[in-house]
Protein backbone atom coordinates (compact mmCIF):
# COMPACT_ATOMS: atom_id res chain seq x y z
CA MET A 1 50.32 61.55 126.88
CA ALA A 2 50.40 59.08 123.79
CA GLU A 3 47.60 57.07 125.29
CA LEU A 4 45.07 60.37 125.97
CA GLU A 5 45.89 61.45 122.15
CA LEU A 6 44.87 57.85 120.46
CA LYS A 7 41.81 58.35 122.97
CA ILE A 8 40.90 61.85 121.09
CA LEU A 9 41.67 59.97 117.71
CA ASP A 10 39.08 57.40 118.87
CA GLY A 11 36.74 59.55 119.84
CA ILE A 12 37.16 61.99 116.52
CA GLN A 13 36.01 58.44 115.05
CA GLU A 14 33.62 57.79 116.99
CA VAL A 15 31.66 61.58 116.41
CA PHE A 16 32.83 62.07 113.02
CA GLY A 17 32.79 58.46 111.38
CA SER A 18 30.68 57.63 108.09
CA ALA A 19 30.51 56.47 105.46
CA PHE A 20 30.75 60.47 104.00
CA SER A 21 33.71 61.08 106.11
CA ASP A 22 35.25 58.07 105.29
CA CYS A 23 35.42 59.72 101.71
CA PHE A 24 35.53 62.98 102.11
CA PHE A 25 38.10 63.57 104.55
CA PRO A 26 41.05 61.61 102.34
CA ALA A 27 40.00 63.95 99.55
CA VAL A 28 40.98 66.78 101.71
CA THR A 29 43.71 65.55 102.96
CA LYS A 30 44.74 64.97 99.26
CA LEU A 31 44.69 68.58 99.23
CA GLY A 32 47.89 69.12 101.01
CA ASN A 33 50.09 66.28 99.62
CA ALA A 34 53.41 67.81 99.20
CA GLY A 35 52.02 71.40 99.71
CA MET A 36 50.97 71.38 96.58
CA ILE A 37 47.67 73.57 96.76
CA TRP A 38 49.37 75.79 99.00
CA ILE A 39 52.45 76.15 96.38
CA VAL A 40 50.26 76.24 93.61
CA LEU A 41 48.04 79.30 95.49
CA THR A 42 51.04 81.10 95.97
CA LEU A 43 51.99 80.72 92.19
CA LEU A 44 49.09 82.07 91.29
CA LEU A 45 49.13 85.09 93.55
CA VAL A 46 52.83 85.74 92.31
CA ILE A 47 52.10 86.34 89.23
CA VAL A 48 49.19 88.60 89.42
CA PRO A 49 50.66 92.03 89.79
CA ARG A 50 48.18 93.30 92.43
CA THR A 51 48.32 90.03 95.21
CA ARG A 52 52.17 89.88 94.35
CA ARG A 53 53.06 90.91 97.96
CA ALA A 54 50.85 88.50 99.44
CA GLY A 55 52.13 85.50 97.12
CA TYR A 56 55.70 86.46 98.13
CA MET A 57 54.80 86.39 101.61
CA ALA A 58 53.01 83.20 101.51
CA ALA A 59 56.25 81.94 99.48
CA PHE A 60 58.71 82.73 101.45
CA SER A 61 56.44 81.82 104.96
CA LEU A 62 55.80 78.34 102.78
CA ALA A 63 59.77 78.22 102.18
CA LEU A 64 60.59 78.33 105.86
CA GLU A 65 58.00 76.32 107.26
CA ALA A 66 59.44 73.44 104.77
CA ALA A 67 62.57 73.73 106.13
CA VAL A 68 61.98 73.82 110.04
CA CYS A 69 59.32 71.17 109.68
CA ASN A 70 60.83 68.69 106.89
CA LEU A 71 64.85 68.84 107.43
CA ILE A 72 65.22 70.09 110.96
CA LEU A 73 61.97 68.94 113.54
CA LYS A 74 60.81 66.01 111.34
CA PRO A 75 64.03 64.11 111.83
CA MET A 76 65.08 65.43 115.47
CA VAL A 77 62.37 64.27 116.79
CA ALA A 78 61.52 61.19 114.89
CA ARG A 79 58.00 60.11 116.43
CA ILE A 80 56.32 57.01 114.86
CA ARG A 81 52.57 57.54 113.79
CA PRO A 82 49.23 56.79 115.71
CA CYS A 83 48.37 54.32 113.08
CA ASP A 84 51.48 52.55 113.52
CA LEU A 85 50.96 52.21 117.49
CA ALA A 86 46.78 51.41 117.34
CA GLU A 87 45.78 48.33 116.76
CA GLY A 88 43.16 47.26 114.28
CA ILE A 89 43.36 50.94 112.22
CA GLN A 90 42.73 50.22 108.23
CA LEU A 91 43.80 53.61 107.25
CA LEU A 92 41.78 54.87 104.42
CA ILE A 93 45.08 56.50 102.71
CA GLY A 94 48.32 55.36 102.25
CA ARG A 95 50.91 55.08 104.97
CA PRO A 96 52.81 58.38 105.01
CA GLU A 97 56.10 57.10 105.27
CA ASP A 98 58.11 60.33 107.06
CA TYR A 99 57.69 60.95 110.97
CA SER A 100 54.50 62.53 112.55
CA PHE A 101 56.20 65.71 114.34
CA PRO A 102 54.92 68.03 113.26
CA SER A 103 52.24 67.86 110.77
CA GLY A 104 53.97 69.19 107.57
CA HIS A 105 50.25 69.57 105.95
CA THR A 106 49.01 71.51 108.97
CA SER A 107 52.11 73.79 108.98
CA ALA A 108 51.99 74.77 105.45
CA GLY A 109 48.38 75.10 105.35
CA PHE A 110 48.57 77.63 108.36
CA ALA A 111 51.97 79.07 106.73
CA VAL A 112 50.07 80.52 103.95
CA ALA A 113 47.06 81.34 105.88
CA ALA A 114 48.70 83.03 108.22
CA ALA A 115 50.85 85.05 105.55
CA LEU A 116 47.87 86.16 103.96
CA LEU A 117 45.63 87.17 107.04
CA LEU A 118 48.84 89.13 107.72
CA SER A 119 48.61 90.57 104.55
CA GLY A 120 45.42 91.71 104.54
CA SER A 121 44.54 89.37 102.00
CA ARG A 122 40.81 88.66 101.23
CA LEU A 123 41.97 85.24 100.85
CA GLY A 124 42.99 84.73 103.82
CA ILE A 125 39.96 83.45 105.60
CA PRO A 126 39.03 80.91 103.02
CA THR A 127 42.75 79.52 103.26
CA LEU A 128 42.51 79.31 107.02
CA VAL A 129 39.28 77.29 106.48
CA LEU A 130 40.93 74.92 104.22
CA ALA A 131 43.74 75.18 106.14
CA VAL A 132 41.63 73.67 109.37
CA MET A 133 39.80 71.14 107.23
CA ILE A 134 43.24 69.65 106.26
CA ALA A 135 44.48 69.57 109.82
CA PHE A 136 41.60 67.69 111.00
CA SER A 137 41.88 65.50 108.27
CA ARG A 138 44.82 64.55 108.94
CA LEU A 139 43.53 63.42 112.85
CA TYR A 140 40.55 61.37 111.46
CA LEU A 141 42.88 59.49 108.96
CA TYR A 142 44.76 58.28 112.29
CA VAL A 143 47.72 59.61 110.61
CA HIS A 144 48.47 62.23 113.43
CA PHE A 145 48.12 62.76 117.01
CA PRO A 146 46.82 65.92 117.98
CA THR A 147 49.57 67.75 119.15
CA ASP A 148 51.38 66.97 115.50
CA VAL A 149 48.64 68.97 114.27
CA LEU A 150 48.81 71.67 117.11
CA ALA A 151 52.46 72.40 116.72
CA GLY A 152 52.19 72.17 112.94
CA ALA A 153 49.70 75.28 112.98
CA LEU A 154 52.14 77.02 115.52
CA LEU A 155 54.89 76.58 113.05
CA GLY A 156 53.01 78.01 110.12
CA ILE A 157 51.71 81.26 111.96
CA ALA A 158 55.32 81.15 113.33
CA ALA A 159 56.95 81.03 109.82
CA ALA A 160 54.61 83.40 108.35
CA LEU A 161 55.49 85.79 111.47
CA VAL A 162 59.07 85.48 111.22
CA VAL A 163 58.69 86.67 107.04
CA ARG A 164 56.83 89.60 107.84
CA SER A 165 58.68 90.99 111.18
CA CYS A 166 61.64 90.16 108.54
CA LYS A 167 59.83 92.60 105.84
CA ASN A 168 59.12 95.02 108.18
CA VAL A 169 62.94 95.22 109.01
CA THR A 170 63.51 95.16 105.23
CA GLU A 171 60.39 98.05 104.15
CA ARG A 172 61.95 100.42 107.67
CA ARG A 173 65.83 100.04 106.35
CA LYS A 174 64.73 101.23 102.78
CA ASN A 175 62.85 104.19 104.52
CA ARG A 176 65.63 105.15 106.00
CA LEU A 177 67.80 105.57 103.05
């Protein structure tokens, strides 16, 4: 499976590789470092009263995703990165120190985007576009396998769905009282 995924990464390089991409994708991926763009966005949403509910949903989704991704899955799977398997790859960013599976950049972005989409926020689509761009940057930069990114997207979406489900249960209990 790793051979097929490395071929996909090579294909991405062949199709999208350019001087522009070599500058653009490191900048895009940097937005997702340590989830900072998502943390800042979530805090801003929580601060503004009319976006507070969406902000809380995003915050809880992000926290759940981060715990499952970084504390459970990455250490459990312990998958090495594609840049460590492929010969002759010169990274355009610093080599990430943690494991490859799942992509934390991707899961964080999709957790927030899905939370905002599920809460009906107008920011849902723009955050989804940014999440997809960050996810793709991880492939372009050769630091994640396609299945790492796919798993990250699914994890982020699942986290938002779990949070929404818990929110719905809590609201039903309040309505009964």
